[in-house]
Amino acid sequence: MYILWWIIVGLIAGYITGKLMKGSGYGALMDIVVGIVGAIIGGFIMRAVGMAGSGGAIYTILVAILGAVILTFIVRLVSGGRRAQL
């Protein structure tokens, strides 16, 4: 059941990140991957600043979006703005 939750959060976070970052996205599967990796990055950042907690679905999605935006920004920075394969 947790794997399904990770996929749903990843899909939502990846989709919203694609819209926020003004890109065409990476496709449905890669948006899920970006969202899941973003959730991990966002969770690490929130723990590092002392704001870790279980705030429910909205909190989880927002943290995943934060991490996915940071991940997408770094990928675009490293790739020089061109579409990179993650």
N, C-alpha and C. Protein backbone atom coordinates (compact mmCIF):
# COMPACT_ATOMS: atom_id res chain seq x y z
N MET A 1 0.81 -1.20 0.00
CA MET A 1 0.00 0.00 0.00
C MET A 1 0.86 1.26 0.00
N TYR A 2 2.01 1.21 0.71
CA TYR A 2 2.89 2.37 0.74
C TYR A 2 3.51 2.66 -0.62
N ILE A 3 3.78 1.62 -1.39
CA ILE A 3 4.35 1.81 -2.72
C ILE A 3 3.35 2.55 -3.60
N LEU A 4 2.10 2.20 -3.51
CA LEU A 4 1.06 2.89 -4.27
C LEU A 4 0.99 4.36 -3.86
N TRP A 5 1.09 4.64 -2.56
CA TRP A 5 1.07 6.00 -2.07
C TRP A 5 2.26 6.80 -2.62
N TRP A 6 3.47 6.17 -2.63
CA TRP A 6 4.65 6.84 -3.18
C TRP A 6 4.45 7.17 -4.66
N ILE A 7 3.84 6.27 -5.40
CA ILE A 7 3.61 6.50 -6.83
C ILE A 7 2.61 7.64 -7.03
N ILE A 8 1.56 7.66 -6.24
CA ILE A 8 0.56 8.72 -6.36
C ILE A 8 1.18 10.08 -6.00
N VAL A 9 1.90 10.14 -4.89
CA VAL A 9 2.56 11.39 -4.48
C VAL A 9 3.57 11.80 -5.54
N GLY A 10 4.34 10.84 -6.05
CA GLY A 10 5.33 11.13 -7.08
C GLY A 10 4.70 11.68 -8.34
N LEU A 11 3.59 11.10 -8.75
CA LEU A 11 2.89 11.57 -9.94
C LEU A 11 2.38 12.99 -9.76
N ILE A 12 1.76 13.26 -8.63
CA ILE A 12 1.22 14.60 -8.36
C ILE A 12 2.36 15.61 -8.27
N ALA A 13 3.40 15.28 -7.51
CA ALA A 13 4.52 16.21 -7.33
C ALA A 13 5.26 16.43 -8.65
N GLY A 14 5.48 15.38 -9.42
CA GLY A 14 6.16 15.52 -10.70
C GLY A 14 5.36 16.35 -11.68
N TYR A 15 4.06 16.14 -11.73
CA TYR A 15 3.19 16.91 -12.63
C TYR A 15 3.20 18.39 -12.26
N ILE A 16 3.00 18.68 -10.97
CA ILE A 16 2.97 20.07 -10.53
C ILE A 16 4.33 20.73 -10.72
N THR A 17 5.40 20.01 -10.47
CA THR A 17 6.73 20.56 -10.68
C THR A 17 6.96 20.89 -12.15
N GLY A 18 6.50 20.03 -13.04
CA GLY A 18 6.62 20.31 -14.47
C GLY A 18 5.89 21.59 -14.85
N LYS A 19 4.76 21.84 -14.24
CA LYS A 19 4.01 23.07 -14.52
C LYS A 19 4.67 24.29 -13.89
N LEU A 20 5.19 24.14 -12.66
CA LEU A 20 5.84 25.26 -11.98
C LEU A 20 7.14 25.68 -12.65
N MET A 21 7.87 24.71 -13.15
CA MET A 21 9.19 24.99 -13.72
C MET A 21 9.10 25.36 -15.20
N LYS A 22 7.93 25.56 -15.72
CA LYS A 22 7.71 26.02 -17.09
C LYS A 22 8.39 25.15 -18.13
N GLY A 23 8.36 23.87 -17.91
CA GLY A 23 8.94 22.96 -18.88
C GLY A 23 7.89 22.02 -19.43
N SER A 24 8.31 21.22 -20.38
CA SER A 24 7.38 20.26 -20.95
C SER A 24 7.30 18.99 -20.12
N GLY A 25 8.09 18.90 -19.08
CA GLY A 25 8.11 17.71 -18.27
C GLY A 25 9.00 16.66 -18.90
N TYR A 26 9.07 15.52 -18.28
CA TYR A 26 9.92 14.43 -18.75
C TYR A 26 9.11 13.23 -19.18
N GLY A 27 7.80 13.35 -19.25
CA GLY A 27 6.95 12.21 -19.54
C GLY A 27 6.38 11.68 -18.23
N ALA A 28 5.33 10.91 -18.33
CA ALA A 28 4.62 10.45 -17.13
C ALA A 28 5.50 9.63 -16.20
N LEU A 29 6.25 8.69 -16.72
CA LEU A 29 7.08 7.82 -15.88
C LEU A 29 8.19 8.62 -15.21
N MET A 30 8.85 9.48 -15.96
CA MET A 30 9.94 10.26 -15.38
C MET A 30 9.40 11.32 -14.42
N ASP A 31 8.20 11.84 -14.66
CA ASP A 31 7.59 12.76 -13.70
C ASP A 31 7.35 12.06 -12.36
N ILE A 32 6.94 10.80 -12.41
CA ILE A 32 6.76 10.03 -11.18
C ILE A 32 8.10 9.86 -10.47
N VAL A 33 9.13 9.51 -11.24
CA VAL A 33 10.46 9.32 -10.65
C VAL A 33 10.96 10.63 -10.04
N VAL A 34 10.82 11.73 -10.77
CA VAL A 34 11.23 13.04 -10.26
C VAL A 34 10.46 13.36 -8.98
N GLY A 35 9.18 13.07 -8.95
CA GLY A 35 8.36 13.32 -7.76
C GLY A 35 8.79 12.49 -6.57
N ILE A 36 9.10 11.22 -6.80
CA ILE A 36 9.53 10.34 -5.70
C ILE A 36 10.89 10.76 -5.18
N VAL A 37 11.83 11.02 -6.10
CA VAL A 37 13.16 11.48 -5.67
C VAL A 37 13.02 12.84 -4.99
N GLY A 38 12.14 13.69 -5.51
CA GLY A 38 11.88 14.97 -4.88
C GLY A 38 11.33 14.82 -3.47
N ALA A 39 10.48 13.82 -3.27
CA ALA A 39 9.95 13.57 -1.92
C ALA A 39 11.07 13.19 -0.96
N ILE A 40 12.01 12.41 -1.44
CA ILE A 40 13.15 12.02 -0.60
C ILE A 40 14.01 13.24 -0.28
N ILE A 41 14.31 14.04 -1.31
CA ILE A 41 15.11 15.25 -1.11
C ILE A 41 14.38 16.22 -0.18
N GLY A 42 13.09 16.43 -0.43
CA GLY A 42 12.31 17.33 0.40
C GLY A 42 12.24 16.86 1.85
N GLY A 43 12.07 15.57 2.05
CA GLY A 43 12.05 15.02 3.40
C GLY A 43 13.37 15.22 4.12
N PHE A 44 14.47 15.04 3.40
CA PHE A 44 15.79 15.26 3.99
C PHE A 44 15.97 16.72 4.38
N ILE A 45 15.56 17.63 3.50
CA ILE A 45 15.68 19.06 3.78
C ILE A 45 14.82 19.44 4.99
N MET A 46 13.60 18.94 5.03
CA MET A 46 12.71 19.28 6.15
C MET A 46 13.25 18.75 7.48
N ARG A 47 13.83 17.55 7.47
CA ARG A 47 14.45 17.02 8.69
C ARG A 47 15.66 17.86 9.09
N ALA A 48 16.43 18.31 8.10
CA ALA A 48 17.63 19.09 8.38
C ALA A 48 17.30 20.44 9.03
N VAL A 49 16.18 21.03 8.67
CA VAL A 49 15.80 22.31 9.27
C VAL A 49 14.88 22.13 10.49
N GLY A 50 14.64 20.89 10.87
CA GLY A 50 13.87 20.61 12.08
C GLY A 50 12.37 20.67 11.91
N MET A 51 11.89 20.53 10.68
CA MET A 51 10.45 20.62 10.44
C MET A 51 9.86 19.28 10.00
N ALA A 52 10.52 18.21 10.35
CA ALA A 52 10.02 16.90 9.96
C ALA A 52 8.76 16.59 10.75
N GLY A 53 7.85 15.94 10.12
CA GLY A 53 6.63 15.57 10.80
C GLY A 53 5.70 14.87 9.85
N SER A 54 4.65 14.38 10.40
CA SER A 54 3.66 13.73 9.56
C SER A 54 2.45 14.64 9.50
N GLY A 55 2.40 15.46 8.48
CA GLY A 55 1.33 16.44 8.35
C GLY A 55 0.20 15.97 7.48
N GLY A 56 0.25 14.74 7.05
CA GLY A 56 -0.82 14.23 6.21
C GLY A 56 -0.49 14.33 4.74
N ALA A 57 -1.51 14.17 3.92
CA ALA A 57 -1.33 14.09 2.48
C ALA A 57 -0.86 15.41 1.89
N ILE A 58 -1.45 16.51 2.30
CA ILE A 58 -1.08 17.81 1.74
C ILE A 58 0.36 18.14 2.06
N TYR A 59 0.76 17.95 3.31
CA TYR A 59 2.15 18.19 3.73
C TYR A 59 3.11 17.34 2.91
N THR A 60 2.79 16.07 2.75
CA THR A 60 3.64 15.16 2.00
C THR A 60 3.80 15.61 0.55
N ILE A 61 2.72 16.00 -0.06
CA ILE A 61 2.77 16.45 -1.46
C ILE A 61 3.55 17.75 -1.58
N LEU A 62 3.35 18.68 -0.66
CA LEU A 62 4.09 19.94 -0.70
C LEU A 62 5.59 19.73 -0.52
N VAL A 63 5.97 18.85 0.40
CA VAL A 63 7.38 18.54 0.60
C VAL A 63 7.96 17.88 -0.65
N ALA A 64 7.21 16.99 -1.27
CA ALA A 64 7.66 16.33 -2.49
C ALA A 64 7.82 17.34 -3.62
N ILE A 65 6.90 18.29 -3.72
CA ILE A 65 7.01 19.33 -4.75
C ILE A 65 8.25 20.18 -4.50
N LEU A 66 8.49 20.57 -3.26
CA LEU A 66 9.68 21.34 -2.92
C LEU A 66 10.95 20.61 -3.36
N GLY A 67 11.05 19.35 -3.01
CA GLY A 67 12.22 18.56 -3.39
C GLY A 67 12.33 18.39 -4.89
N ALA A 68 11.21 18.17 -5.57
CA ALA A 68 11.23 17.98 -7.02
C ALA A 68 11.62 19.26 -7.75
N VAL A 69 11.17 20.41 -7.24
CA VAL A 69 11.56 21.69 -7.84
C VAL A 69 13.07 21.89 -7.68
N ILE A 70 13.60 21.60 -6.51
CA ILE A 70 15.04 21.71 -6.29
C ILE A 70 15.80 20.76 -7.20
N LEU A 71 15.33 19.53 -7.30
CA LEU A 71 15.98 18.54 -8.18
C LEU A 71 15.95 19.00 -9.63
N THR A 72 14.81 19.47 -10.11
CA THR A 72 14.69 19.93 -11.49
C THR A 72 15.58 21.13 -11.74
N PHE A 73 15.65 22.05 -10.78
CA PHE A 73 16.52 23.22 -10.92
C PHE A 73 17.98 22.80 -11.04
N ILE A 74 18.40 21.87 -10.21
CA ILE A 74 19.80 21.40 -10.25
C ILE A 74 20.09 20.69 -11.57
N VAL A 75 19.16 19.84 -12.02
CA VAL A 75 19.36 19.13 -13.29
C VAL A 75 19.47 20.12 -14.44
N ARG A 76 18.62 21.13 -14.46
CA ARG A 76 18.68 22.13 -15.53
C ARG A 76 19.94 22.97 -15.44
N LEU A 77 20.39 23.25 -14.24
CA LEU A 77 21.61 24.02 -14.04
C LEU A 77 22.82 23.24 -14.56
N VAL A 78 22.87 21.96 -14.23
CA VAL A 78 23.99 21.12 -14.66
C VAL A 78 23.95 20.86 -16.17
N SER A 79 22.75 20.68 -16.71
CA SER A 79 22.63 20.36 -18.13
C SER A 79 22.63 21.60 -19.02
N GLY A 80 22.76 22.77 -18.45
CA GLY A 80 22.80 23.99 -19.23
C GLY A 80 21.45 24.40 -19.78
N GLY A 81 20.37 23.97 -19.17
CA GLY A 81 19.04 24.36 -19.60
C GLY A 81 18.43 23.46 -20.65
N ARG A 82 19.23 22.62 -21.27
CA ARG A 82 18.65 21.72 -22.28
C ARG A 82 17.96 20.56 -21.57
N ARG A 83 17.11 19.89 -22.26
CA ARG A 83 16.36 18.77 -21.69
C ARG A 83 17.32 17.64 -21.37
N ALA A 84 17.38 17.26 -20.12
CA ALA A 84 18.31 16.22 -19.68
C ALA A 84 17.57 14.92 -19.43
N GLN A 85 18.22 13.84 -19.64
CA GLN A 85 17.67 12.52 -19.32
C GLN A 85 18.07 12.17 -17.90
N LEU A 86 17.12 12.00 -17.01
CA LEU A 86 17.41 11.65 -15.62
C LEU A 86 17.69 10.19 -15.48
